[in-house]
Amino acid sequence: MSRIYKILARRDWEAAWNAQVYEGSAVDLADGFIHFSTAEQAQETAARHFKGQAGLVVLEIEADDLGAALRWEPSRGGQLFPHLYGALPTGLVRGIGEAPLDPDGVPLIGILP
């Protein structure tokens, strides 16, 4: 099993939960897929794209649950990142964690219990 992670605003997660599906952020929609990170990639993703943003959550998803809609594609420095081509049914989320900020305003992303 391979877990992947999505960082997003709590308000966006709450809206997705109510709709039972997460369609993606503005960046995801513009790129045509939902961006995820592995556990090893999540902290750098947080530092690059979410610095100074409070009220974030981290979703934990089992990659295999997403089937063929999940593709591993090269991104930063040639690393393979998980990209979901389609919406994320909220029922597939295995865990939700808070993303507190460190003193430099970077969200602290860790593996969920």
PDB file of N, CA and C in Angstrom:
ATOM      1  N   MET A   1       0.844  -1.188   0.000  1.00  0.00           N
ATOM      2  CA  MET A   1       0.000   0.000   0.000  1.00  0.00           C
ATOM      3  C   MET A   1       0.881   1.240   0.000  1.00  0.00           C
ATOM      4  N   SER A   2       0.431   2.242  -0.719  1.00  0.00           N
ATOM      5  CA  SER A   2       1.176   3.486  -0.836  1.00  0.00           C
ATOM      6  C   SER A   2       0.242   4.655  -0.539  1.00  0.00           C
ATOM      7  N   ARG A   3       0.556   5.410   0.477  1.00  0.00           N
ATOM      8  CA  ARG A   3      -0.280   6.554   0.836  1.00  0.00           C
ATOM      9  C   ARG A   3       0.241   7.815   0.144  1.00  0.00           C
ATOM     10  N   ILE A   4      -0.704   8.643  -0.292  1.00  0.00           N
ATOM     11  CA  ILE A   4      -0.376   9.934  -0.875  1.00  0.00           C
ATOM     12  C   ILE A   4      -1.161  10.999  -0.118  1.00  0.00           C
ATOM     13  N   TYR A   5      -0.761  12.257  -0.293  1.00  0.00           N
ATOM     14  CA  TYR A   5      -1.268  13.341   0.537  1.00  0.00           C
ATOM     15  C   TYR A   5      -1.662  14.547  -0.304  1.00  0.00           C
ATOM     16  N   LYS A   6      -2.710  15.221   0.144  1.00  0.00           N
ATOM     17  CA  LYS A   6      -3.181  16.456  -0.487  1.00  0.00           C
ATOM     18  C   LYS A   6      -3.284  17.521   0.588  1.00  0.00           C
ATOM     19  N   ILE A   7      -2.659  18.658   0.358  1.00  0.00           N
ATOM     20  CA  ILE A   7      -2.714  19.804   1.265  1.00  0.00           C
ATOM     21  C   ILE A   7      -3.746  20.776   0.698  1.00  0.00           C
ATOM     22  N   LEU A   8      -4.651  21.237   1.539  1.00  0.00           N
ATOM     23  CA  LEU A   8      -5.659  22.185   1.082  1.00  0.00           C
ATOM     24  C   LEU A   8      -6.234  22.958   2.260  1.00  0.00           C
ATOM     25  N   ALA A   9      -6.926  24.022   1.939  1.00  0.00           N
ATOM     26  CA  ALA A   9      -7.567  24.844   2.963  1.00  0.00           C
ATOM     27  C   ALA A   9      -8.711  24.060   3.613  1.00  0.00           C
ATOM     28  N   ARG A  10      -8.838  24.211   4.918  1.00  0.00           N
ATOM     29  CA  ARG A  10      -9.911  23.527   5.649  1.00  0.00           C
ATOM     30  C   ARG A  10     -11.275  23.856   5.044  1.00  0.00           C
ATOM     31  N   ARG A  11     -11.498  25.115   4.665  1.00  0.00           N
ATOM     32  CA  ARG A  11     -12.800  25.502   4.102  1.00  0.00           C
ATOM     33  C   ARG A  11     -13.078  24.758   2.796  1.00  0.00           C
ATOM     34  N   ASP A  12     -12.041  24.497   2.008  1.00  0.00           N
ATOM     35  CA  ASP A  12     -12.210  23.739   0.767  1.00  0.00           C
ATOM     36  C   ASP A  12     -12.541  22.272   1.063  1.00  0.00           C
ATOM     37  N   TRP A  13     -11.908  21.720   2.107  1.00  0.00           N
ATOM     38  CA  TRP A  13     -12.212  20.349   2.504  1.00  0.00           C
ATOM     39  C   TRP A  13     -13.655  20.252   3.011  1.00  0.00           C
ATOM     40  N   GLU A  14     -14.077  21.222   3.805  1.00  0.00           N
ATOM     41  CA  GLU A  14     -15.444  21.200   4.326  1.00  0.00           C
ATOM     42  C   GLU A  14     -16.470  21.271   3.194  1.00  0.00           C
ATOM     43  N   ALA A  15     -16.201  22.093   2.185  1.00  0.00           N
ATOM     44  CA  ALA A  15     -17.091  22.182   1.025  1.00  0.00           C
ATOM     45  C   ALA A  15     -17.103  20.860   0.263  1.00  0.00           C
ATOM     46  N   ALA A  16     -15.936  20.258   0.109  1.00  0.00           N
ATOM     47  CA  ALA A  16     -15.853  18.967  -0.582  1.00  0.00           C
ATOM     48  C   ALA A  16     -16.594  17.892   0.200  1.00  0.00           C
ATOM     49  N   TRP A  17     -16.431  17.896   1.508  1.00  0.00           N
ATOM     50  CA  TRP A  17     -17.106  16.905   2.346  1.00  0.00           C
ATOM     51  C   TRP A  17     -18.625  17.004   2.162  1.00  0.00           C
ATOM     52  N   ASN A  18     -19.124  18.222   2.163  1.00  0.00           N
ATOM     53  CA  ASN A  18     -20.567  18.428   1.980  1.00  0.00           C
ATOM     54  C   ASN A  18     -21.037  17.981   0.601  1.00  0.00           C
ATOM     55  N   ALA A  19     -20.191  18.158  -0.404  1.00  0.00           N
ATOM     56  CA  ALA A  19     -20.530  17.755  -1.779  1.00  0.00           C
ATOM     57  C   ALA A  19     -20.203  16.283  -2.047  1.00  0.00           C
ATOM     58  N   GLN A  20     -19.465  15.659  -1.131  1.00  0.00           N
ATOM     59  CA  GLN A  20     -19.006  14.270  -1.220  1.00  0.00           C
ATOM     60  C   GLN A  20     -17.972  14.035  -2.313  1.00  0.00           C
ATOM     61  N   VAL A  21     -17.411  15.131  -2.827  1.00  0.00           N
ATOM     62  CA  VAL A  21     -16.379  15.013  -3.848  1.00  0.00           C
ATOM     63  C   VAL A  21     -15.500  16.265  -3.817  1.00  0.00           C
ATOM     64  N   TYR A  22     -14.189  16.061  -4.020  1.00  0.00           N
ATOM     65  CA  TYR A  22     -13.252  17.179  -4.124  1.00  0.00           C
ATOM     66  C   TYR A  22     -12.830  17.286  -5.584  1.00  0.00           C
ATOM     67  N   GLU A  23     -13.127  18.435  -6.184  1.00  0.00           N
ATOM     68  CA  GLU A  23     -12.824  18.656  -7.603  1.00  0.00           C
ATOM     69  C   GLU A  23     -11.417  19.200  -7.816  1.00  0.00           C
ATOM     70  N   GLY A  24     -10.804  19.752  -6.761  1.00  0.00           N
ATOM     71  CA  GLY A  24      -9.456  20.294  -6.865  1.00  0.00           C
ATOM     72  C   GLY A  24      -9.416  21.782  -6.604  1.00  0.00           C
ATOM     73  N   SER A  25      -8.211  22.278  -6.384  1.00  0.00           N
ATOM     74  CA  SER A  25      -7.975  23.710  -6.175  1.00  0.00           C
ATOM     75  C   SER A  25      -7.982  24.430  -7.522  1.00  0.00           C
ATOM     76  N   ALA A  26      -7.854  25.745  -7.487  1.00  0.00           N
ATOM     77  CA  ALA A  26      -7.767  26.519  -8.733  1.00  0.00           C
ATOM     78  C   ALA A  26      -6.568  26.057  -9.563  1.00  0.00           C
ATOM     79  N   VAL A  27      -5.448  25.785  -8.912  1.00  0.00           N
ATOM     80  CA  VAL A  27      -4.256  25.302  -9.626  1.00  0.00           C
ATOM     81  C   VAL A  27      -4.524  23.924 -10.229  1.00  0.00           C
ATOM     82  N   ASP A  28      -5.155  23.050  -9.452  1.00  0.00           N
ATOM     83  CA  ASP A  28      -5.490  21.716  -9.966  1.00  0.00           C
ATOM     84  C   ASP A  28      -6.373  21.817 -11.200  1.00  0.00           C
ATOM     85  N   LEU A  29      -7.411  22.635 -11.108  1.00  0.00           N
ATOM     86  CA  LEU A  29      -8.344  22.782 -12.220  1.00  0.00           C
ATOM     87  C   LEU A  29      -7.641  23.343 -13.457  1.00  0.00           C
ATOM     88  N   ALA A  30      -6.740  24.303 -13.262  1.00  0.00           N
ATOM     89  CA  ALA A  30      -5.995  24.877 -14.392  1.00  0.00           C
ATOM     90  C   ALA A  30      -5.065  23.845 -15.036  1.00  0.00           C
ATOM     91  N   ASP A  31      -4.482  22.964 -14.200  1.00  0.00           N
ATOM     92  CA  ASP A  31      -3.545  21.959 -14.716  1.00  0.00           C
ATOM     93  C   ASP A  31      -4.248  20.724 -15.264  1.00  0.00           C
ATOM     94  N   GLY A  32      -5.517  20.538 -14.923  1.00  0.00           N
ATOM     95  CA  GLY A  32      -6.273  19.403 -15.438  1.00  0.00           C
ATOM     96  C   GLY A  32      -6.168  18.139 -14.604  1.00  0.00           C
ATOM     97  N   PHE A  33      -5.594  18.236 -13.418  1.00  0.00           N
ATOM     98  CA  PHE A  33      -5.496  17.091 -12.517  1.00  0.00           C
ATOM     99  C   PHE A  33      -5.307  17.600 -11.090  1.00  0.00           C
ATOM    100  N   ILE A  34      -5.585  16.729 -10.115  1.00  0.00           N
ATOM    101  CA  ILE A  34      -5.382  17.074  -8.708  1.00  0.00           C
ATOM    102  C   ILE A  34      -3.972  16.655  -8.319  1.00  0.00           C
ATOM    103  N   HIS A  35      -3.216  17.618  -7.794  1.00  0.00           N
ATOM    104  CA  HIS A  35      -1.838  17.389  -7.355  1.00  0.00           C
ATOM    105  C   HIS A  35      -1.820  16.701  -5.993  1.00  0.00           C
ATOM    106  N   PHE A  36      -1.053  15.647  -5.867  1.00  0.00           N
ATOM    107  CA  PHE A  36      -0.792  14.984  -4.596  1.00  0.00           C
ATOM    108  C   PHE A  36       0.714  14.922  -4.390  1.00  0.00           C
ATOM    109  N   SER A  37       1.122  14.548  -3.185  1.00  0.00           N
ATOM    110  CA  SER A  37       2.531  14.348  -2.862  1.00  0.00           C
ATOM    111  C   SER A  37       2.669  13.043  -2.103  1.00  0.00           C
ATOM    112  N   THR A  38       3.838  12.438  -2.192  1.00  0.00           N
ATOM    113  CA  THR A  38       4.158  11.311  -1.321  1.00  0.00           C
ATOM    114  C   THR A  38       4.542  11.889   0.038  1.00  0.00           C
ATOM    115  N   ALA A  39       4.719  11.029   1.014  1.00  0.00           N
ATOM    116  CA  ALA A  39       5.153  11.483   2.338  1.00  0.00           C
ATOM    117  C   ALA A  39       6.496  12.204   2.249  1.00  0.00           C
ATOM    118  N   GLU A  40       7.377  11.703   1.393  1.00  0.00           N
ATOM    119  CA  GLU A  40       8.705  12.303   1.252  1.00  0.00           C
ATOM    120  C   GLU A  40       8.646  13.670   0.568  1.00  0.00           C
ATOM    121  N   GLN A  41       7.651  13.911  -0.249  1.00  0.00           N
ATOM    122  CA  GLN A  41       7.538  15.155  -1.013  1.00  0.00           C
ATOM    123  C   GLN A  41       6.692  16.219  -0.318  1.00  0.00           C
ATOM    124  N   ALA A  42       5.891  15.827   0.647  1.00  0.00           N
ATOM    125  CA  ALA A  42       4.869  16.720   1.214  1.00  0.00           C
ATOM    126  C   ALA A  42       5.438  17.971   1.875  1.00  0.00           C
ATOM    127  N   GLN A  43       6.525  17.858   2.614  1.00  0.00           N
ATOM    128  CA  GLN A  43       7.050  19.036   3.303  1.00  0.00           C
ATOM    129  C   GLN A  43       7.567  20.074   2.317  1.00  0.00           C
ATOM    130  N   GLU A  44       8.237  19.647   1.267  1.00  0.00           N
ATOM    131  CA  GLU A  44       8.707  20.603   0.260  1.00  0.00           C
ATOM    132  C   GLU A  44       7.524  21.233  -0.474  1.00  0.00           C
ATOM    133  N   THR A  45       6.492  20.448  -0.748  1.00  0.00           N
ATOM    134  CA  THR A  45       5.281  20.988  -1.359  1.00  0.00           C
ATOM    135  C   THR A  45       4.676  22.064  -0.470  1.00  0.00           C
ATOM    136  N   ALA A  46       4.612  21.787   0.824  1.00  0.00           N
ATOM    137  CA  ALA A  46       4.064  22.758   1.775  1.00  0.00           C
ATOM    138  C   ALA A  46       4.882  24.047   1.766  1.00  0.00           C
ATOM    139  N   ALA A  47       6.205  23.921   1.784  1.00  0.00           N
ATOM    140  CA  ALA A  47       7.077  25.098   1.807  1.00  0.00           C
ATOM    141  C   ALA A  47       6.972  25.916   0.518  1.00  0.00           C
ATOM    142  N   ARG A  48       6.863  25.260  -0.610  1.00  0.00           N
ATOM    143  CA  ARG A  48       6.815  25.950  -1.905  1.00  0.00           C
ATOM    144  C   ARG A  48       5.467  26.610  -2.195  1.00  0.00           C
ATOM    145  N   HIS A  49       4.387  25.941  -1.805  1.00  0.00           N
ATOM    146  CA  HIS A  49       3.071  26.376  -2.271  1.00  0.00           C
ATOM    147  C   HIS A  49       2.115  26.866  -1.189  1.00  0.00           C
ATOM    148  N   PHE A  50       2.468  26.666   0.094  1.00  0.00           N
ATOM    149  CA  PHE A  50       1.520  27.007   1.150  1.00  0.00           C
ATOM    150  C   PHE A  50       2.120  27.855   2.265  1.00  0.00           C
ATOM    151  N   LYS A  51       3.314  28.381   2.054  1.00  0.00           N
ATOM    152  CA  LYS A  51       3.983  29.175   3.084  1.00  0.00           C
ATOM    153  C   LYS A  51       3.095  30.346   3.518  1.00  0.00           C
ATOM    154  N   GLY A  52       2.947  30.485   4.833  1.00  0.00           N
ATOM    155  CA  GLY A  52       2.189  31.590   5.407  1.00  0.00           C
ATOM    156  C   GLY A  52       0.683  31.388   5.430  1.00  0.00           C
ATOM    157  N   GLN A  53       0.217  30.264   4.924  1.00  0.00           N
ATOM    158  CA  GLN A  53      -1.224  30.000   4.890  1.00  0.00           C
ATOM    159  C   GLN A  53      -1.632  29.170   6.105  1.00  0.00           C
ATOM    160  N   ALA A  54      -2.496  29.717   6.917  1.00  0.00           N
ATOM    161  CA  ALA A  54      -3.028  28.985   8.064  1.00  0.00           C
ATOM    162  C   ALA A  54      -4.331  28.305   7.645  1.00  0.00           C
ATOM    163  N   GLY A  55      -4.867  27.480   8.533  1.00  0.00           N
ATOM    164  CA  GLY A  55      -6.146  26.831   8.268  1.00  0.00           C
ATOM    165  C   GLY A  55      -6.070  25.741   7.221  1.00  0.00           C
ATOM    166  N   LEU A  56      -4.925  25.060   7.176  1.00  0.00           N
ATOM    167  CA  LEU A  56      -4.735  23.992   6.198  1.00  0.00           C
ATOM    168  C   LEU A  56      -4.971  22.623   6.824  1.00  0.00           C
ATOM    169  N   VAL A  57      -5.378  21.684   5.990  1.00  0.00           N
ATOM    170  CA  VAL A  57      -5.477  20.287   6.392  1.00  0.00           C
ATOM    171  C   VAL A  57      -4.709  19.446   5.384  1.00  0.00           C
ATOM    172  N   VAL A  58      -4.383  18.235   5.808  1.00  0.00           N
ATOM    173  CA  VAL A  58      -3.696  17.279   4.954  1.00  0.00           C
ATOM    174  C   VAL A  58      -4.579  16.038   4.854  1.00  0.00           C
ATOM    175  N   LEU A  59      -4.926  15.663   3.634  1.00  0.00           N
ATOM    176  CA  LEU A  59      -5.701  14.457   3.401  1.00  0.00           C
ATOM    177  C   LEU A  59      -4.752  13.308   3.100  1.00  0.00           C
ATOM    178  N   GLU A  60      -5.075  12.149   3.630  1.00  0.00           N
ATOM    179  CA  GLU A  60      -4.299  10.941   3.368  1.00  0.00           C
ATOM    180  C   GLU A  60      -5.172   9.980   2.564  1.00  0.00           C
ATOM    181  N   ILE A  61      -4.637   9.517   1.440  1.00  0.00           N
ATOM    182  CA  ILE A  61      -5.382   8.663   0.524  1.00  0.00           C
ATOM    183  C   ILE A  61      -4.523   7.461   0.173  1.00  0.00           C
ATOM    184  N   GLU A  62      -5.143   6.313   0.038  1.00  0.00           N
ATOM    185  CA  GLU A  62      -4.449   5.120  -0.440  1.00  0.00           C
ATOM    186  C   GLU A  62      -4.390   5.211  -1.968  1.00  0.00           C
ATOM    187  N   ALA A  63      -3.191   5.267  -2.514  1.00  0.00           N
ATOM    188  CA  ALA A  63      -3.018   5.448  -3.957  1.00  0.00           C
ATOM    189  C   ALA A  63      -3.760   4.385  -4.761  1.00  0.00           C
ATOM    190  N   ASP A  64      -3.714   3.144  -4.317  1.00  0.00           N
ATOM    191  CA  ASP A  64      -4.359   2.062  -5.064  1.00  0.00           C
ATOM    192  C   ASP A  64      -5.873   2.238  -5.169  1.00  0.00           C
ATOM    193  N   ASP A  65      -6.474   2.962  -4.233  1.00  0.00           N
ATOM    194  CA  ASP A  65      -7.921   3.193  -4.271  1.00  0.00           C
ATOM    195  C   ASP A  65      -8.351   4.059  -5.453  1.00  0.00           C
ATOM    196  N   LEU A  66      -7.397   4.784  -6.053  1.00  0.00           N
ATOM    197  CA  LEU A  66      -7.728   5.728  -7.120  1.00  0.00           C
ATOM    198  C   LEU A  66      -7.693   5.095  -8.510  1.00  0.00           C
ATOM    199  N   GLY A  67      -7.182   3.898  -8.604  1.00  0.00           N
ATOM    200  CA  GLY A  67      -7.189   3.170  -9.871  1.00  0.00           C
ATOM    201  C   GLY A  67      -6.406   3.856 -10.977  1.00  0.00           C
ATOM    202  N   ALA A  68      -6.870   3.651 -12.202  1.00  0.00           N
ATOM    203  CA  ALA A  68      -6.169   4.142 -13.396  1.00  0.00           C
ATOM    204  C   ALA A  68      -6.207   5.659 -13.529  1.00  0.00           C
ATOM    205  N   ALA A  69      -7.073   6.327 -12.775  1.00  0.00           N
ATOM    206  CA  ALA A  69      -7.139   7.796 -12.841  1.00  0.00           C
ATOM    207  C   ALA A  69      -5.918   8.448 -12.201  1.00  0.00           C
ATOM    208  N   LEU A  70      -5.157   7.682 -11.395  1.00  0.00           N
ATOM    209  CA  LEU A  70      -3.946   8.203 -10.766  1.00  0.00           C
ATOM    210  C   LEU A  70      -2.751   7.869 -11.647  1.00  0.00           C
ATOM    211  N   ARG A  71      -2.002   8.895 -11.996  1.00  0.00           N
ATOM    212  CA  ARG A  71      -0.794   8.713 -12.807  1.00  0.00           C
ATOM    213  C   ARG A  71       0.396   9.306 -12.061  1.00  0.00           C
ATOM    214  N   TRP A  72       1.524   8.636 -12.157  1.00  0.00           N
ATOM    215  CA  TRP A  72       2.770   9.117 -11.561  1.00  0.00           C
ATOM    216  C   TRP A  72       3.564   9.787 -12.674  1.00  0.00           C
ATOM    217  N   GLU A  73       3.741  11.117 -12.535  1.00  0.00           N
ATOM    218  CA  GLU A  73       4.356  11.885 -13.609  1.00  0.00           C
ATOM    219  C   GLU A  73       5.504  12.733 -13.074  1.00  0.00           C
ATOM    220  N   PRO A  74       6.532  12.956 -13.914  1.00  0.00           N
ATOM    221  CA  PRO A  74       7.669  13.758 -13.477  1.00  0.00           C
ATOM    222  C   PRO A  74       7.283  15.210 -13.243  1.00  0.00           C
ATOM    223  N   SER A  75       7.870  15.771 -12.199  1.00  0.00           N
ATOM    224  CA  SER A  75       7.663  17.180 -11.872  1.00  0.00           C
ATOM    225  C   SER A  75       8.985  17.719 -11.348  1.00  0.00           C
ATOM    226  N   ARG A  76       8.973  18.358 -10.165  1.00  0.00           N
ATOM    227  CA  ARG A  76      10.185  18.962  -9.598  1.00  0.00           C
ATOM    228  C   ARG A  76      11.402  18.054  -9.729  1.00  0.00           C
ATOM    229  N   GLY A  77      12.382  18.523 -10.446  1.00  0.00           N
ATOM    230  CA  GLY A  77      13.643  17.797 -10.541  1.00  0.00           C
ATOM    231  C   GLY A  77      13.514  16.384 -11.081  1.00  0.00           C
ATOM    232  N   GLY A  78      12.454  16.109 -11.820  1.00  0.00           N
ATOM    233  CA  GLY A  78      12.260  14.788 -12.384  1.00  0.00           C
ATOM    234  C   GLY A  78      11.615  13.781 -11.447  1.00  0.00           C
ATOM    235  N   GLN A  79      11.314  14.202 -10.199  1.00  0.00           N
ATOM    236  CA  GLN A  79      10.635  13.291  -9.272  1.00  0.00           C
ATOM    237  C   GLN A  79       9.252  12.934  -9.807  1.00  0.00           C
ATOM    238  N   LEU A  80       8.826  11.720  -9.549  1.00  0.00           N
ATOM    239  CA  LEU A  80       7.484  11.306  -9.928  1.00  0.00           C
ATOM    240  C   LEU A  80       6.491  11.724  -8.851  1.00  0.00           C
ATOM    241  N   PHE A  81       5.477  12.462  -9.261  1.00  0.00           N
ATOM    242  CA  PHE A  81       4.423  12.926  -8.362  1.00  0.00           C
ATOM    243  C   PHE A  81       3.104  12.280  -8.767  1.00  0.00           C
ATOM    244  N   PRO A  82       2.253  11.981  -7.781  1.00  0.00           N
ATOM    245  CA  PRO A  82       0.942  11.423  -8.091  1.00  0.00           C
ATOM    246  C   PRO A  82      -0.035  12.518  -8.520  1.00  0.00           C
ATOM    247  N   HIS A  83      -0.665  12.316  -9.669  1.00  0.00           N
ATOM    248  CA  HIS A  83      -1.644  13.253 -10.222  1.00  0.00           C
ATOM    249  C   HIS A  83      -2.937  12.488 -10.484  1.00  0.00           C
ATOM    250  N   LEU A  84      -4.033  13.001  -9.962  1.00  0.00           N
ATOM    251  CA  LEU A  84      -5.338  12.359 -10.151  1.00  0.00           C
ATOM    252  C   LEU A  84      -6.091  13.067 -11.263  1.00  0.00           C
ATOM    253  N   TYR A  85      -6.380  12.339 -12.325  1.00  0.00           N
ATOM    254  CA  TYR A  85      -7.147  12.865 -13.448  1.00  0.00           C
ATOM    255  C   TYR A  85      -8.620  12.532 -13.214  1.00  0.00           C
ATOM    256  N   GLY A  86      -9.256  13.398 -12.478  1.00  0.00           N
ATOM    257  CA  GLY A  86     -10.650  13.228 -12.106  1.00  0.00           C
ATOM    258  C   GLY A  86     -10.859  13.756 -10.700  1.00  0.00           C
ATOM    259  N   ALA A  87     -12.083  13.675 -10.244  1.00  0.00           N
ATOM    260  CA  ALA A  87     -12.428  14.159  -8.911  1.00  0.00           C
ATOM    261  C   ALA A  87     -12.097  13.099  -7.856  1.00  0.00           C
ATOM    262  N   LEU A  88     -11.923  13.553  -6.628  1.00  0.00           N
ATOM    263  CA  LEU A  88     -11.637  12.678  -5.496  1.00  0.00           C
ATOM    264  C   LEU A  88     -12.908  12.487  -4.672  1.00  0.00           C
ATOM    265  N   PRO A  89     -13.487  11.285  -4.673  1.00  0.00           N
ATOM    266  CA  PRO A  89     -14.626  11.039  -3.784  1.00  0.00           C
ATOM    267  C   PRO A  89     -14.156  11.135  -2.333  1.00  0.00           C
ATOM    268  N   THR A  90     -14.844  11.901  -1.526  1.00  0.00           N
ATOM    269  CA  THR A  90     -14.392  12.123  -0.143  1.00  0.00           C
ATOM    270  C   THR A  90     -14.373  10.830   0.673  1.00  0.00           C
ATOM    271  N   GLY A  91     -15.146   9.845   0.290  1.00  0.00           N
ATOM    272  CA  GLY A  91     -15.156   8.577   0.996  1.00  0.00           C
ATOM    273  C   GLY A  91     -13.847   7.806   0.885  1.00  0.00           C
ATOM    274  N   LEU A  92     -12.976   8.188  -0.037  1.00  0.00           N
ATOM    275  CA  LEU A  92     -11.680   7.523  -0.189  1.00  0.00           C
ATOM    276  C   LEU A  92     -10.604   8.101   0.727  1.00  0.00           C
ATOM    277  N   VAL A  93     -10.904   9.197   1.415  1.00  0.00           N
ATOM    278  CA  VAL A  93      -9.923   9.811   2.313  1.00  0.00           C
ATOM    279  C   VAL A  93      -9.790   8.935   3.556  1.00  0.00           C
ATOM    280  N   ARG A  94      -8.565   8.496   3.837  1.00  0.00           N
ATOM    281  CA  ARG A  94      -8.295   7.589   4.960  1.00  0.00           C
ATOM    282  C   ARG A  94      -7.985   8.325   6.253  1.00  0.00           C
ATOM    283  N   GLY A  95      -7.544   9.582   6.146  1.00  0.00           N
ATOM    284  CA  GLY A  95      -7.205  10.365   7.330  1.00  0.00           C
ATOM    285  C   GLY A  95      -7.142  11.834   6.986  1.00  0.00           C
ATOM    286  N   ILE A  96      -7.354  12.660   8.015  1.00  0.00           N
ATOM    287  CA  ILE A  96      -7.297  14.114   7.859  1.00  0.00           C
ATOM    288  C   ILE A  96      -6.502  14.649   9.034  1.00  0.00           C
ATOM    289  N   GLY A  97      -5.500  15.461   8.751  1.00  0.00           N
ATOM    290  CA  GLY A  97      -4.683  16.036   9.806  1.00  0.00           C
ATOM    291  C   GLY A  97      -4.573  17.537   9.664  1.00  0.00           C
ATOM    292  N   GLU A  98      -4.306  18.189  10.775  1.00  0.00           N
ATOM    293  CA  GLU A  98      -4.057  19.633  10.765  1.00  0.00           C
ATOM    294  C   GLU A  98      -2.657  19.894  10.223  1.00  0.00           C
ATOM    295  N   ALA A  99      -2.434  21.097   9.710  1.00  0.00           N
ATOM    296  CA  ALA A  99      -1.116  21.491   9.210  1.00  0.00           C
ATOM    297  C   ALA A  99      -0.705  22.793   9.895  1.00  0.00           C
ATOM    298  N   PRO A 100      -0.218  22.713  11.147  1.00  0.00           N
ATOM    299  CA  PRO A 100       0.220  23.931  11.835  1.00  0.00           C
ATOM    300  C   PRO A 100       1.437  24.536  11.141  1.00  0.00           C
ATOM    301  N   LEU A 101       1.672  25.831  11.381  1.00  0.00           N
ATOM    302  CA  LEU A 101       2.795  26.528  10.763  1.00  0.00           C
ATOM    303  C   LEU A 101       4.008  26.514  11.682  1.00  0.00           C
ATOM    304  N   ASP A 102       5.202  26.393  11.101  1.00  0.00           N
ATOM    305  CA  ASP A 102       6.422  26.534  11.895  1.00  0.00           C
ATOM    306  C   ASP A 102       6.723  28.029  12.063  1.00  0.00           C
ATOM    307  N   PRO A 103       7.766  28.402  12.791  1.00  0.00           N
ATOM    308  CA  PRO A 103       8.050  29.826  13.016  1.00  0.00           C
ATOM    309  C   PRO A 103       8.290  30.638  11.746  1.00  0.00           C
ATOM    310  N   ASP A 104       8.647  29.980  10.655  1.00  0.00           N
ATOM    311  CA  ASP A 104       8.861  30.674   9.383  1.00  0.00           C
ATOM    312  C   ASP A 104       7.600  30.722   8.531  1.00  0.00           C
ATOM    313  N   GLY A 105       6.485  30.232   9.082  1.00  0.00           N
ATOM    314  CA  GLY A 105       5.230  30.261   8.349  1.00  0.00           C
ATOM    315  C   GLY A 105       5.041  29.125   7.367  1.00  0.00           C
ATOM    316  N   VAL A 106       5.857  28.079   7.491  1.00  0.00           N
ATOM    317  CA  VAL A 106       5.726  26.925   6.612  1.00  0.00           C
ATOM    318  C   VAL A 106       4.869  25.865   7.297  1.00  0.00           C
ATOM    319  N   PRO A 107       3.860  25.332   6.606  1.00  0.00           N
ATOM    320  CA  PRO A 107       3.040  24.281   7.204  1.00  0.00           C
ATOM    321  C   PRO A 107       3.886  23.055   7.538  1.00  0.00           C
ATOM    322  N   LEU A 108       3.666  22.509   8.723  1.00  0.00           N
ATOM    323  CA  LEU A 108       4.359  21.308   9.145  1.00  0.00           C
ATOM    324  C   LEU A 108       3.519  20.108   8.734  1.00  0.00           C
ATOM    325  N   ILE A 109       4.028  19.366   7.792  1.00  0.00           N
ATOM    326  CA  ILE A 109       3.311  18.218   7.247  1.00  0.00           C
ATOM    327  C   ILE A 109       4.005  16.965   7.731  1.00  0.00           C
ATOM    328  N   GLY A 110       3.276  16.113   8.406  1.00  0.00           N
ATOM    329  CA  GLY A 110       3.841  14.850   8.865  1.00  0.00           C
ATOM    330  C   GLY A 110       2.937  13.709   8.449  1.00  0.00           C
ATOM    331  N   ILE A 111       3.391  12.530   8.698  1.00  0.00           N
ATOM    332  CA  ILE A 111       2.583  11.348   8.423  1.00  0.00           C
ATOM    333  C   ILE A 111       1.461  11.306   9.442  1.00  0.00           C
ATOM    334  N   LEU A 112       0.273  11.065   8.976  1.00  0.00           N
ATOM    335  CA  LEU A 112      -0.884  11.019   9.866  1.00  0.00           C
ATOM    336  C   LEU A 112      -0.855   9.731  10.680  1.00  0.00           C
ATOM    337  N   PRO A 113      -1.351   9.792  11.927  1.00  0.00           N
ATOM    338  CA  PRO A 113      -1.379   8.572  12.742  1.00  0.00           C
ATOM    339  C   PRO A 113      -2.385   7.566  12.203  1.00  0.00           C
TER     340      PRO A 113
END
